Protein backbone atom coordinates (compact mmCIF):
# COMPACT_ATOMS: atom_id res chain seq x y z
CA MET A 1 -45.64 -12.53 29.68
CA ALA A 2 -44.10 -9.30 30.93
CA SER A 3 -44.57 -7.65 27.54
CA THR A 4 -48.28 -8.50 27.66
CA ALA A 5 -48.68 -6.87 31.06
CA ARG A 6 -46.75 -3.83 29.95
CA SER A 7 -48.76 -3.43 26.74
CA GLY A 8 -51.97 -3.76 28.77
CA MET A 9 -51.08 -0.60 30.68
CA ARG A 10 -50.49 1.46 27.56
CA PRO A 11 -54.12 2.57 27.04
CA THR A 12 -54.26 3.85 30.63
CA CYS A 13 -51.11 5.90 30.12
CA ASP A 14 -52.47 7.26 26.84
CA ARG A 15 -55.63 8.40 28.61
CA MET A 16 -53.70 10.00 31.46
CA LEU A 17 -51.51 12.20 29.27
CA PRO A 18 -54.28 14.68 28.38
CA ALA A 19 -55.18 14.94 32.07
CA VAL A 20 -51.58 15.72 32.99
CA LEU A 21 -51.36 18.31 30.22
CA LEU A 22 -54.62 19.83 31.36
CA GLY A 23 -53.30 20.10 34.91
CA LEU A 24 -50.15 21.83 33.75
CA ALA A 25 -52.03 24.21 31.48
CA GLY A 26 -54.56 24.92 34.23
CA GLY A 27 -51.88 26.38 36.45
CA VAL A 28 -50.86 28.73 33.68
CA TRP A 29 -54.39 29.91 32.92
CA LEU A 30 -55.42 30.37 36.53
CA CYS A 31 -53.23 33.44 36.50
CA GLY A 32 -55.51 34.71 33.74
CA THR A 33 -58.49 34.96 36.08
CA ALA A 34 -56.53 37.38 38.23
CA ALA A 35 -55.76 39.38 35.08
CA GLY A 36 -59.45 39.85 34.33
CA GLN A 37 -60.24 36.88 32.08
CA THR A 38 -63.63 35.28 32.56
CA PRO A 39 -63.81 31.70 33.84
CA GLU A 40 -65.22 30.71 30.44
CA GLY A 41 -62.25 32.31 28.68
CA VAL A 42 -59.80 30.55 30.98
CA ALA A 43 -61.50 27.17 30.43
CA LYS A 44 -61.61 27.66 26.66
CA GLY A 45 -57.90 28.47 26.64
CA ILE A 46 -57.05 25.38 28.68
CA LEU A 47 -59.12 23.08 26.46
CA GLU A 48 -57.68 24.55 23.27
CA ALA A 49 -54.09 24.43 24.51
CA THR A 50 -54.32 20.79 25.58
CA GLY A 51 -56.40 19.53 22.67
CA VAL A 52 -58.55 17.50 25.05
CA LYS A 53 -61.86 16.59 23.39
CA GLY A 54 -63.49 14.76 26.28
CA GLY A 55 -62.97 12.55 29.30
CA LEU A 56 -62.36 13.07 32.99
CA ILE A 57 -61.03 16.43 34.15
CA VAL A 58 -59.90 16.71 37.77
CA HIS A 59 -59.43 20.37 38.68
CA LEU A 60 -57.14 20.55 41.71
CA GLY A 61 -57.32 23.79 43.67
CA CYS A 62 -60.64 24.67 42.05
CA GLY A 63 -61.38 27.59 44.38
CA ASP A 64 -64.93 28.84 43.89
CA GLY A 65 -65.55 26.33 41.07
CA LYS A 66 -66.30 28.84 38.32
CA VAL A 67 -63.49 27.65 36.05
CA THR A 68 -64.37 24.06 36.97
CA ALA A 69 -67.95 24.62 35.80
CA ALA A 70 -66.72 26.28 32.61
CA LEU A 71 -64.48 23.27 31.86
CA HIS A 72 -67.68 21.23 31.39
CA ALA A 73 -67.87 22.48 27.82
CA SER A 74 -70.05 19.56 26.72
CA ASN A 75 -71.30 16.19 27.89
CA ALA A 76 -68.05 14.72 26.54
CA TYR A 77 -66.41 15.92 29.76
CA LEU A 78 -66.84 14.70 33.32
CA VAL A 79 -65.39 17.42 35.55
CA HIS A 80 -64.55 17.10 39.24
CA GLY A 81 -63.19 20.00 41.31
CA ILE A 82 -61.12 19.48 44.46
CA ASP A 83 -59.99 22.16 46.90
CA THR A 84 -58.68 22.11 50.47
CA ASP A 85 -60.24 25.46 51.43
CA ALA A 86 -63.76 24.81 52.73
CA ASP A 87 -64.68 28.50 52.42
CA ASP A 88 -63.86 28.50 48.70
CA VAL A 89 -65.82 25.29 48.14
CA ALA A 90 -68.82 26.69 50.04
CA GLN A 91 -69.11 29.53 47.50
């Protein structure tokens, strides 16, 4: 019985891996916006580096939301930005 429960969780873990990779890559590419890259260029780099082809993207520390918006490359993605700074979110 335990093996059935464990195997039932496998698809969830498989779906979470791209999200974790995206989060890690996002931190790396956010430095690119300070270096003059466009939000679209940053988003493209993140999506290419992670190989994510669709699904839920949760962008933590989204700031003004420009990179968050650019991550919605197609309707295959559902993107949600979260930030603790109300002034950034208001932009």
